[in-house]
N, C-alpha and C. Protein backbone atom coordinates (compact mmCIF):
# COMPACT_ATOMS: atom_id res chain seq x y z
N MET A 1 -16.80 10.53 19.98
CA MET A 1 -16.05 9.51 20.69
C MET A 1 -14.64 9.54 20.19
N VAL A 2 -13.72 9.63 21.10
CA VAL A 2 -12.30 9.67 20.71
C VAL A 2 -11.74 8.20 20.77
N LEU A 3 -11.15 7.87 19.65
CA LEU A 3 -10.52 6.63 19.49
C LEU A 3 -8.94 6.80 19.46
N TYR A 4 -8.24 5.95 20.26
CA TYR A 4 -6.76 6.01 20.30
C TYR A 4 -6.20 4.79 19.61
N PRO A 5 -5.09 5.02 18.96
CA PRO A 5 -4.50 3.84 18.26
C PRO A 5 -3.80 2.82 19.18
N THR A 6 -3.89 1.56 18.87
CA THR A 6 -3.21 0.47 19.50
C THR A 6 -2.37 -0.33 18.46
N LEU A 7 -1.11 -0.42 18.67
CA LEU A 7 -0.20 -1.20 17.80
C LEU A 7 -0.54 -2.69 17.90
N VAL A 8 -0.62 -3.33 16.84
CA VAL A 8 -0.94 -4.75 16.79
C VAL A 8 0.24 -5.49 16.19
N LEU A 9 0.76 -6.46 16.94
CA LEU A 9 1.90 -7.29 16.52
C LEU A 9 1.37 -8.70 16.29
N ASP A 10 2.03 -9.40 15.30
CA ASP A 10 1.66 -10.83 15.14
C ASP A 10 2.49 -11.65 16.12
N LYS A 11 2.45 -12.97 16.03
CA LYS A 11 3.09 -13.81 17.02
C LYS A 11 4.58 -13.77 17.00
N THR A 12 5.09 -13.21 15.89
CA THR A 12 6.62 -13.04 15.70
C THR A 12 6.99 -11.61 16.15
N TYR A 13 6.09 -10.88 16.73
CA TYR A 13 6.30 -9.48 17.20
C TYR A 13 6.55 -8.47 16.06
N LEU A 14 6.04 -8.79 14.84
CA LEU A 14 6.12 -7.83 13.74
C LEU A 14 4.86 -7.04 13.71
N PRO A 15 4.99 -5.69 13.49
CA PRO A 15 3.74 -4.88 13.40
C PRO A 15 2.97 -5.20 12.16
N VAL A 16 1.65 -5.46 12.39
CA VAL A 16 0.83 -5.78 11.30
C VAL A 16 -0.38 -4.93 11.08
N SER A 17 -0.81 -4.22 12.07
CA SER A 17 -1.97 -3.38 11.93
C SER A 17 -2.02 -2.37 13.11
N ILE A 18 -3.10 -1.51 13.08
CA ILE A 18 -3.43 -0.65 14.15
C ILE A 18 -4.88 -0.79 14.39
N PHE A 19 -5.31 -1.03 15.63
CA PHE A 19 -6.67 -1.14 16.02
C PHE A 19 -6.97 0.07 16.93
N SER A 20 -8.31 0.36 17.18
CA SER A 20 -8.70 1.28 18.17
C SER A 20 -8.39 0.68 19.55
N HIS A 21 -8.26 1.50 20.53
CA HIS A 21 -8.00 1.07 21.90
C HIS A 21 -9.23 0.28 22.41
N LYS A 22 -10.41 0.57 21.89
CA LYS A 22 -11.62 -0.14 22.33
C LYS A 22 -11.64 -1.52 21.76
N LYS A 23 -11.32 -1.69 20.50
CA LYS A 23 -11.27 -3.03 19.85
C LYS A 23 -10.20 -3.84 20.58
N ALA A 24 -9.04 -3.25 20.84
CA ALA A 24 -8.05 -4.04 21.55
C ALA A 24 -8.42 -4.43 22.94
N PHE A 25 -9.13 -3.54 23.63
CA PHE A 25 -9.60 -3.86 24.94
C PHE A 25 -10.55 -5.00 24.94
N LEU A 26 -11.49 -5.09 23.86
CA LEU A 26 -12.36 -6.19 23.76
C LEU A 26 -11.66 -7.44 23.43
N LEU A 27 -10.65 -7.41 22.64
CA LEU A 27 -9.85 -8.63 22.41
C LEU A 27 -9.16 -9.09 23.66
N GLU A 28 -8.70 -8.16 24.49
CA GLU A 28 -8.07 -8.51 25.83
C GLU A 28 -9.10 -9.20 26.70
N LEU A 29 -10.30 -8.62 26.83
CA LEU A 29 -11.37 -9.25 27.63
C LEU A 29 -11.68 -10.63 27.24
N LEU A 30 -11.66 -10.87 25.95
CA LEU A 30 -11.98 -12.19 25.36
C LEU A 30 -10.81 -13.12 25.28
N ASN A 31 -9.71 -12.68 25.85
CA ASN A 31 -8.45 -13.54 25.88
C ASN A 31 -8.02 -13.89 24.45
N LYS A 32 -8.18 -13.01 23.53
CA LYS A 32 -7.86 -13.26 22.17
C LYS A 32 -6.47 -12.54 21.86
N CYS A 33 -5.91 -11.88 22.79
CA CYS A 33 -4.57 -11.21 22.52
C CYS A 33 -3.83 -11.12 23.89
N GLU A 34 -2.61 -10.81 23.73
CA GLU A 34 -1.77 -10.54 24.91
C GLU A 34 -1.40 -9.02 24.94
N VAL A 35 -1.66 -8.33 26.00
CA VAL A 35 -1.32 -6.88 26.08
C VAL A 35 0.15 -6.82 26.57
N LEU A 36 0.92 -6.17 25.67
CA LEU A 36 2.35 -5.99 26.02
C LEU A 36 2.58 -4.67 26.74
N GLU A 37 1.74 -3.73 26.44
CA GLU A 37 1.91 -2.40 27.11
C GLU A 37 0.52 -1.68 27.14
N HIS A 38 0.33 -0.91 28.22
CA HIS A 38 -0.84 -0.12 28.40
C HIS A 38 -0.52 1.36 28.29
N TYR A 39 -1.57 2.10 27.87
CA TYR A 39 -1.40 3.57 27.94
C TYR A 39 -1.29 4.02 29.42
N LYS A 40 -0.41 5.00 29.71
CA LYS A 40 -0.24 5.49 31.06
C LYS A 40 -1.36 6.53 31.33
N THR A 41 -1.80 7.21 30.26
CA THR A 41 -2.72 8.42 30.47
C THR A 41 -4.16 8.17 29.98
N ILE A 42 -4.42 7.01 29.33
CA ILE A 42 -5.77 6.76 28.80
C ILE A 42 -6.37 5.53 29.44
N SER A 43 -7.58 5.64 29.88
CA SER A 43 -8.24 4.47 30.39
C SER A 43 -9.70 4.34 29.97
N LEU A 44 -10.24 3.21 30.06
CA LEU A 44 -11.68 2.94 29.76
C LEU A 44 -12.51 2.84 31.05
N HIS A 45 -13.65 3.43 31.11
CA HIS A 45 -14.39 3.49 32.33
C HIS A 45 -15.61 2.67 32.30
N SER A 46 -15.86 1.97 33.45
CA SER A 46 -17.19 1.28 33.61
C SER A 46 -17.77 1.93 34.82
N PRO A 47 -18.98 1.58 35.18
CA PRO A 47 -19.60 2.27 36.38
C PRO A 47 -18.82 1.94 37.62
N SER A 48 -18.10 0.86 37.71
CA SER A 48 -17.43 0.45 38.96
C SER A 48 -15.88 0.50 38.88
N ARG A 49 -15.35 0.53 37.66
CA ARG A 49 -13.88 0.45 37.55
C ARG A 49 -13.34 1.23 36.38
N ASN A 50 -12.03 1.51 36.41
CA ASN A 50 -11.27 2.07 35.35
C ASN A 50 -10.29 1.02 34.83
N TYR A 51 -10.18 0.85 33.53
CA TYR A 51 -9.29 -0.15 32.99
C TYR A 51 -8.30 0.64 32.08
N PRO A 52 -6.99 0.31 32.21
CA PRO A 52 -5.98 0.99 31.34
C PRO A 52 -6.18 0.52 29.93
N ALA A 53 -6.06 1.49 29.01
CA ALA A 53 -6.32 1.19 27.59
C ALA A 53 -5.05 0.51 27.03
N PRO A 54 -5.22 -0.52 26.20
CA PRO A 54 -4.03 -1.20 25.62
C PRO A 54 -3.36 -0.30 24.58
N LEU A 55 -2.01 -0.26 24.65
CA LEU A 55 -1.13 0.53 23.77
C LEU A 55 -0.53 -0.47 22.69
N VAL A 56 -0.05 -1.61 23.14
CA VAL A 56 0.56 -2.58 22.22
C VAL A 56 -0.01 -3.93 22.61
N ILE A 57 -0.54 -4.64 21.52
CA ILE A 57 -1.03 -6.00 21.82
C ILE A 57 -0.37 -6.92 20.76
N ARG A 58 -0.33 -8.24 21.16
CA ARG A 58 0.18 -9.26 20.31
C ARG A 58 -0.91 -10.31 20.10
N ILE A 59 -1.22 -10.57 18.86
CA ILE A 59 -2.21 -11.56 18.55
C ILE A 59 -1.53 -12.89 18.22
N PRO A 60 -2.13 -13.99 18.65
CA PRO A 60 -1.37 -15.28 18.64
C PRO A 60 -1.47 -16.01 17.26
N VAL A 61 -1.41 -15.27 16.18
CA VAL A 61 -1.44 -15.79 14.88
C VAL A 61 -0.27 -15.20 13.97
N LEU A 62 0.10 -15.88 12.96
CA LEU A 62 1.12 -15.35 12.06
C LEU A 62 0.28 -14.77 10.86
N ILE A 63 0.38 -13.46 10.71
CA ILE A 63 -0.41 -12.84 9.61
C ILE A 63 0.42 -13.07 8.30
N ARG A 64 -0.32 -13.64 7.40
CA ARG A 64 0.21 -13.80 5.99
C ARG A 64 -0.11 -12.49 5.24
N HIS A 65 0.90 -11.95 4.64
CA HIS A 65 0.66 -10.75 3.88
C HIS A 65 0.17 -11.16 2.47
N TRP A 66 -1.15 -11.18 2.27
CA TRP A 66 -1.80 -11.57 1.09
C TRP A 66 -1.78 -10.47 0.05
N GLU A 67 -1.94 -10.88 -1.17
CA GLU A 67 -1.96 -9.88 -2.28
C GLU A 67 -3.44 -9.34 -2.26
N SER A 68 -3.56 -8.05 -2.13
CA SER A 68 -4.86 -7.54 -2.20
C SER A 68 -4.90 -6.46 -3.37
N SER A 69 -6.04 -6.46 -4.09
CA SER A 69 -6.21 -5.48 -5.12
C SER A 69 -6.60 -4.16 -4.46
N PRO A 70 -6.24 -3.04 -5.10
CA PRO A 70 -6.49 -1.75 -4.44
C PRO A 70 -7.90 -1.36 -4.51
N THR A 71 -8.39 -0.67 -3.53
CA THR A 71 -9.67 -0.08 -3.49
C THR A 71 -9.53 1.43 -3.65
N ARG A 72 -10.53 2.14 -4.06
CA ARG A 72 -10.38 3.62 -4.20
C ARG A 72 -9.92 4.19 -2.87
N ARG A 73 -10.55 3.83 -1.80
CA ARG A 73 -10.24 4.38 -0.49
C ARG A 73 -8.78 4.11 -0.11
N ALA A 74 -8.34 2.89 -0.34
CA ALA A 74 -6.98 2.52 0.02
C ALA A 74 -5.98 3.39 -0.86
N VAL A 75 -6.25 3.64 -2.07
CA VAL A 75 -5.38 4.43 -2.97
C VAL A 75 -5.33 5.85 -2.42
N PHE A 76 -6.54 6.40 -2.00
CA PHE A 76 -6.54 7.77 -1.43
C PHE A 76 -5.72 7.82 -0.14
N ILE A 77 -5.85 6.82 0.67
CA ILE A 77 -5.08 6.80 1.94
C ILE A 77 -3.55 6.65 1.63
N ARG A 78 -3.18 5.78 0.77
CA ARG A 78 -1.81 5.58 0.36
C ARG A 78 -1.20 6.96 -0.03
N ASP A 79 -1.93 7.68 -0.87
CA ASP A 79 -1.47 8.96 -1.39
C ASP A 79 -1.75 10.15 -0.52
N ASN A 80 -2.21 9.92 0.68
CA ASN A 80 -2.53 10.95 1.65
C ASN A 80 -3.60 12.01 1.09
N PHE A 81 -4.45 11.59 0.26
CA PHE A 81 -5.45 12.42 -0.32
C PHE A 81 -4.79 13.71 -1.01
N THR A 82 -3.59 13.36 -1.72
CA THR A 82 -2.86 14.41 -2.42
C THR A 82 -2.86 14.09 -3.92
N CYS A 83 -3.12 15.02 -4.73
CA CYS A 83 -3.08 14.87 -6.21
C CYS A 83 -1.65 14.49 -6.59
N ALA A 84 -1.49 13.45 -7.35
CA ALA A 84 -0.14 13.02 -7.79
C ALA A 84 0.44 13.93 -8.91
N TYR A 85 -0.32 14.89 -9.44
CA TYR A 85 0.22 15.73 -10.49
C TYR A 85 0.50 17.22 -9.99
N CYS A 86 -0.41 17.77 -9.20
CA CYS A 86 -0.23 19.13 -8.72
C CYS A 86 0.06 19.32 -7.23
N GLY A 87 -0.13 18.21 -6.46
CA GLY A 87 0.22 18.26 -5.10
C GLY A 87 -0.90 18.78 -4.19
N LYS A 88 -1.99 19.14 -4.80
CA LYS A 88 -3.14 19.71 -4.02
C LYS A 88 -3.79 18.65 -3.10
N THR A 89 -4.10 19.00 -1.91
CA THR A 89 -4.79 18.12 -1.02
C THR A 89 -6.27 18.13 -1.43
N VAL A 90 -6.84 16.97 -1.59
CA VAL A 90 -8.24 16.90 -2.00
C VAL A 90 -9.10 16.17 -0.91
N LYS A 91 -10.35 16.63 -0.81
CA LYS A 91 -11.28 16.06 0.15
C LYS A 91 -11.77 14.73 -0.50
N ASP A 92 -12.30 13.86 0.43
CA ASP A 92 -12.68 12.51 0.06
C ASP A 92 -13.70 12.63 -1.08
N ASN A 93 -14.65 13.53 -1.07
CA ASN A 93 -15.71 13.61 -2.15
C ASN A 93 -15.18 14.27 -3.40
N GLU A 94 -13.94 14.87 -3.33
CA GLU A 94 -13.41 15.61 -4.56
C GLU A 94 -12.35 14.77 -5.22
N ALA A 95 -11.91 13.71 -4.58
CA ALA A 95 -10.72 12.90 -5.02
C ALA A 95 -11.19 11.97 -6.14
N THR A 96 -10.37 11.87 -7.19
CA THR A 96 -10.68 10.86 -8.27
C THR A 96 -9.50 9.95 -8.36
N ILE A 97 -9.67 8.84 -9.07
CA ILE A 97 -8.61 7.84 -9.34
C ILE A 97 -8.19 8.11 -10.82
N ASP A 98 -6.87 8.20 -11.03
CA ASP A 98 -6.35 8.32 -12.38
C ASP A 98 -5.55 7.05 -12.70
N HIS A 99 -5.80 6.53 -13.86
CA HIS A 99 -4.96 5.48 -14.40
C HIS A 99 -3.78 6.12 -15.12
N ILE A 100 -2.55 5.86 -14.69
CA ILE A 100 -1.41 6.48 -15.36
C ILE A 100 -1.36 6.05 -16.81
N VAL A 101 -1.43 4.70 -17.02
CA VAL A 101 -1.70 4.22 -18.45
C VAL A 101 -3.21 4.06 -18.54
N PRO A 102 -3.86 4.79 -19.38
CA PRO A 102 -5.34 4.76 -19.45
C PRO A 102 -5.93 3.37 -19.70
N LYS A 103 -7.06 3.11 -19.14
CA LYS A 103 -7.74 1.80 -19.34
C LYS A 103 -7.86 1.46 -20.81
N SER A 104 -8.14 2.51 -21.67
CA SER A 104 -8.33 2.22 -23.05
C SER A 104 -7.08 1.73 -23.80
N ARG A 105 -6.00 1.97 -23.10
CA ARG A 105 -4.67 1.50 -23.73
C ARG A 105 -4.04 0.36 -22.96
N GLY A 106 -4.94 -0.36 -22.26
CA GLY A 106 -4.52 -1.66 -21.57
C GLY A 106 -4.03 -1.39 -20.11
N GLY A 107 -4.28 -0.20 -19.59
CA GLY A 107 -3.92 0.12 -18.14
C GLY A 107 -4.71 -0.72 -17.26
N LYS A 108 -4.11 -1.36 -16.24
CA LYS A 108 -4.69 -2.29 -15.37
C LYS A 108 -5.13 -1.54 -14.06
N TRP A 109 -5.98 -2.15 -13.28
CA TRP A 109 -6.31 -1.72 -11.97
C TRP A 109 -5.39 -2.33 -10.99
N GLN A 110 -4.15 -1.76 -10.94
CA GLN A 110 -3.01 -2.24 -10.13
C GLN A 110 -2.50 -1.02 -9.35
N TRP A 111 -1.90 -1.31 -8.18
CA TRP A 111 -1.31 -0.27 -7.37
C TRP A 111 -0.39 0.66 -8.12
N GLU A 112 0.48 0.09 -8.97
CA GLU A 112 1.50 0.90 -9.67
C GLU A 112 0.92 1.73 -10.82
N ASN A 113 -0.30 1.53 -11.17
CA ASN A 113 -1.00 2.22 -12.22
C ASN A 113 -2.03 3.17 -11.78
N LEU A 114 -2.26 3.31 -10.47
CA LEU A 114 -3.36 4.10 -9.95
C LEU A 114 -2.76 5.18 -9.02
N VAL A 115 -3.31 6.42 -9.16
CA VAL A 115 -2.94 7.54 -8.28
C VAL A 115 -4.21 8.34 -7.94
N THR A 116 -4.09 9.07 -6.80
CA THR A 116 -5.08 9.98 -6.44
C THR A 116 -4.93 11.26 -7.30
N CYS A 117 -6.05 11.84 -7.74
CA CYS A 117 -5.93 13.00 -8.66
C CYS A 117 -7.05 13.94 -8.38
N CYS A 118 -6.80 15.22 -8.48
CA CYS A 118 -7.87 16.22 -8.37
C CYS A 118 -8.61 16.26 -9.71
N SER A 119 -9.86 16.74 -9.71
CA SER A 119 -10.69 16.64 -10.96
C SER A 119 -10.03 17.52 -12.01
N GLU A 120 -9.48 18.70 -11.68
CA GLU A 120 -8.81 19.53 -12.71
C GLU A 120 -7.75 18.75 -13.43
N CYS A 121 -6.78 18.21 -12.72
CA CYS A 121 -5.74 17.40 -13.33
C CYS A 121 -6.19 16.23 -14.09
N ASN A 122 -7.25 15.53 -13.55
CA ASN A 122 -7.80 14.39 -14.29
C ASN A 122 -8.39 14.79 -15.60
N GLN A 123 -9.12 15.90 -15.65
CA GLN A 123 -9.68 16.34 -16.85
C GLN A 123 -8.59 16.84 -17.87
N LYS A 124 -7.56 17.50 -17.33
CA LYS A 124 -6.44 17.96 -18.20
C LYS A 124 -5.73 16.74 -18.81
N LYS A 125 -5.52 15.70 -18.03
CA LYS A 125 -4.79 14.50 -18.52
C LYS A 125 -5.68 13.73 -19.47
N GLY A 126 -6.96 13.58 -19.17
CA GLY A 126 -7.87 12.92 -19.99
C GLY A 126 -7.39 11.50 -20.34
N ASN A 127 -7.48 11.07 -21.61
CA ASN A 127 -7.19 9.73 -22.04
C ASN A 127 -5.75 9.64 -22.59
N LYS A 128 -4.83 10.31 -21.90
CA LYS A 128 -3.45 10.34 -22.32
C LYS A 128 -2.55 9.83 -21.21
N THR A 129 -1.28 9.56 -21.57
CA THR A 129 -0.32 9.24 -20.57
C THR A 129 0.23 10.58 -19.99
N PRO A 130 0.81 10.60 -18.81
CA PRO A 130 1.31 11.89 -18.32
C PRO A 130 2.23 12.56 -19.25
N LYS A 131 3.11 11.81 -19.93
CA LYS A 131 4.07 12.42 -20.84
C LYS A 131 3.33 13.11 -21.99
N GLU A 132 2.36 12.41 -22.50
CA GLU A 132 1.50 13.03 -23.71
C GLU A 132 0.82 14.24 -23.25
N ALA A 133 0.32 14.31 -22.01
CA ALA A 133 -0.41 15.45 -21.52
C ALA A 133 0.53 16.56 -21.00
N GLY A 134 1.84 16.33 -21.02
CA GLY A 134 2.75 17.37 -20.52
C GLY A 134 2.70 17.53 -19.02
N MET A 135 2.42 16.40 -18.35
CA MET A 135 2.26 16.44 -16.75
C MET A 135 3.32 15.47 -16.27
N GLU A 136 3.70 15.75 -15.06
CA GLU A 136 4.73 14.96 -14.38
C GLU A 136 4.17 14.39 -13.07
N LEU A 137 4.39 13.13 -12.78
CA LEU A 137 4.01 12.57 -11.44
C LEU A 137 4.96 13.09 -10.36
N LEU A 138 4.38 13.49 -9.25
CA LEU A 138 5.21 13.97 -8.12
C LEU A 138 5.80 12.85 -7.33
N PHE A 139 5.25 11.60 -7.48
CA PHE A 139 5.83 10.44 -6.84
C PHE A 139 5.46 9.21 -7.63
N LYS A 140 6.27 8.18 -7.45
CA LYS A 140 6.01 6.95 -8.21
C LYS A 140 5.14 6.04 -7.30
N PRO A 141 3.98 5.70 -7.85
CA PRO A 141 3.04 4.86 -7.03
C PRO A 141 3.61 3.45 -6.84
N LYS A 142 3.36 2.93 -5.68
CA LYS A 142 3.80 1.49 -5.36
C LYS A 142 2.81 0.90 -4.43
N LYS A 143 2.81 -0.47 -4.41
CA LYS A 143 1.93 -1.24 -3.53
C LYS A 143 2.32 -1.05 -2.09
N PRO A 144 1.45 -0.54 -1.23
CA PRO A 144 1.83 -0.44 0.13
C PRO A 144 1.55 -1.70 0.90
N SER A 145 2.13 -1.89 2.05
CA SER A 145 1.79 -2.99 2.88
C SER A 145 0.51 -2.63 3.66
N ASN A 146 -0.18 -3.61 4.17
CA ASN A 146 -1.43 -3.35 4.96
C ASN A 146 -1.07 -2.47 6.11
N PHE A 147 0.08 -2.68 6.71
CA PHE A 147 0.47 -1.86 7.91
C PHE A 147 0.67 -0.41 7.46
N GLN A 148 1.26 -0.16 6.24
CA GLN A 148 1.43 1.23 5.80
C GLN A 148 0.05 1.90 5.61
N ILE A 149 -0.91 1.16 5.11
CA ILE A 149 -2.28 1.71 5.04
C ILE A 149 -2.80 2.04 6.37
N SER A 150 -2.58 1.11 7.36
CA SER A 150 -3.08 1.45 8.74
C SER A 150 -2.34 2.70 9.30
N LEU A 151 -1.04 2.78 9.11
CA LEU A 151 -0.36 4.00 9.54
C LEU A 151 -0.98 5.23 8.99
N ASN A 152 -1.15 5.31 7.67
CA ASN A 152 -1.80 6.44 7.04
C ASN A 152 -3.16 6.77 7.51
N ARG A 153 -3.93 5.70 7.75
CA ARG A 153 -5.30 5.91 8.19
C ARG A 153 -5.46 6.50 9.61
N TRP A 154 -4.48 6.10 10.49
CA TRP A 154 -4.44 6.56 11.87
C TRP A 154 -3.50 7.72 12.20
N LYS A 155 -2.73 8.17 11.28
CA LYS A 155 -1.69 9.11 11.57
C LYS A 155 -2.11 10.43 12.20
N ASN A 156 -3.29 10.86 11.96
CA ASN A 156 -3.78 12.11 12.63
C ASN A 156 -4.17 11.93 14.05
N ARG A 157 -4.15 10.71 14.52
CA ARG A 157 -4.55 10.36 15.93
C ARG A 157 -3.34 9.96 16.76
N PHE A 158 -2.21 9.96 16.23
CA PHE A 158 -0.99 9.54 16.98
C PHE A 158 -0.78 10.52 18.11
N ASN A 159 -0.34 9.94 19.29
CA ASN A 159 0.01 10.71 20.43
C ASN A 159 1.46 10.33 20.83
N GLU A 160 2.01 10.99 21.80
CA GLU A 160 3.42 10.74 22.16
C GLU A 160 3.61 9.34 22.69
N GLU A 161 2.71 8.73 23.43
CA GLU A 161 2.86 7.36 23.89
C GLU A 161 2.89 6.39 22.74
N PHE A 162 2.03 6.58 21.80
CA PHE A 162 1.92 5.72 20.65
C PHE A 162 3.17 5.85 19.73
N LEU A 163 3.65 7.03 19.54
CA LEU A 163 4.83 7.26 18.80
C LEU A 163 6.07 6.60 19.41
N GLY A 164 6.09 6.62 20.82
CA GLY A 164 7.14 5.91 21.49
C GLY A 164 7.10 4.41 21.25
N ALA A 165 5.78 3.87 21.23
CA ALA A 165 5.63 2.45 21.04
C ALA A 165 6.08 2.05 19.58
N LEU A 166 5.70 2.89 18.66
CA LEU A 166 6.19 2.65 17.27
C LEU A 166 7.71 2.57 17.17
N SER A 167 8.34 3.59 17.81
CA SER A 167 9.80 3.59 17.79
C SER A 167 10.39 2.36 18.48
N LEU A 168 9.79 1.95 19.57
CA LEU A 168 10.28 0.78 20.21
C LEU A 168 10.23 -0.48 19.44
N TYR A 169 9.25 -0.61 18.49
CA TYR A 169 9.16 -1.74 17.55
C TYR A 169 9.73 -1.42 16.24
N GLY A 170 10.63 -0.45 16.10
CA GLY A 170 11.37 -0.25 14.83
C GLY A 170 10.70 0.59 13.78
N ILE A 171 9.60 1.27 14.14
CA ILE A 171 8.99 2.16 13.11
C ILE A 171 9.32 3.65 13.46
N ARG A 172 10.13 4.21 12.61
CA ARG A 172 10.53 5.59 12.80
C ARG A 172 10.17 6.45 11.65
N ASN A 173 10.33 7.74 11.77
CA ASN A 173 10.03 8.71 10.70
C ASN A 173 8.63 8.54 10.19
N VAL A 174 7.69 8.54 11.05
CA VAL A 174 6.29 8.37 10.68
C VAL A 174 5.79 9.60 9.89
N GLU A 175 6.42 10.78 10.11
CA GLU A 175 5.98 12.01 9.40
C GLU A 175 6.26 11.82 7.86
N ALA A 176 7.14 10.96 7.45
CA ALA A 176 7.39 10.80 6.06
C ALA A 176 6.43 9.89 5.38
N ILE A 177 5.49 9.28 6.13
CA ILE A 177 4.54 8.39 5.50
C ILE A 177 3.47 9.21 4.75
């Protein structure tokens, strides 16, 4: 089953998430959102009708950007499944979490202290800081917004219409995510 991305805006028209076109269509049927734009080339089919798939929807609430603690999966998605030390792309089942400041030295489970790591680099670093292990971080980890996590999660499914909608709402240079 192919799922297409739908841009979700809050009541102030700020991008807050990305839903599947099917979830957005369901919200439209239930009158829980306002569809601002439909896909021109994608539709949903019933036995008797075709419905255009939502491309951009607005939900009638103001999304508060709450503080969330990181999950393993969210760290992997933030880092694009890339080892922070050697740059190797790792599969979901091969990825590990590394504490930059080890837990035994007071390192916390915080966005700024967690990176995706391949098992080889994680073993090499061990219970040391990157400096002590003679290793260098390829990027500085930071807390992403929930929308950035959504962008990373969906980026392999972007199409030209969706990229156009992102651009229209001020999101450019998606390749750099």
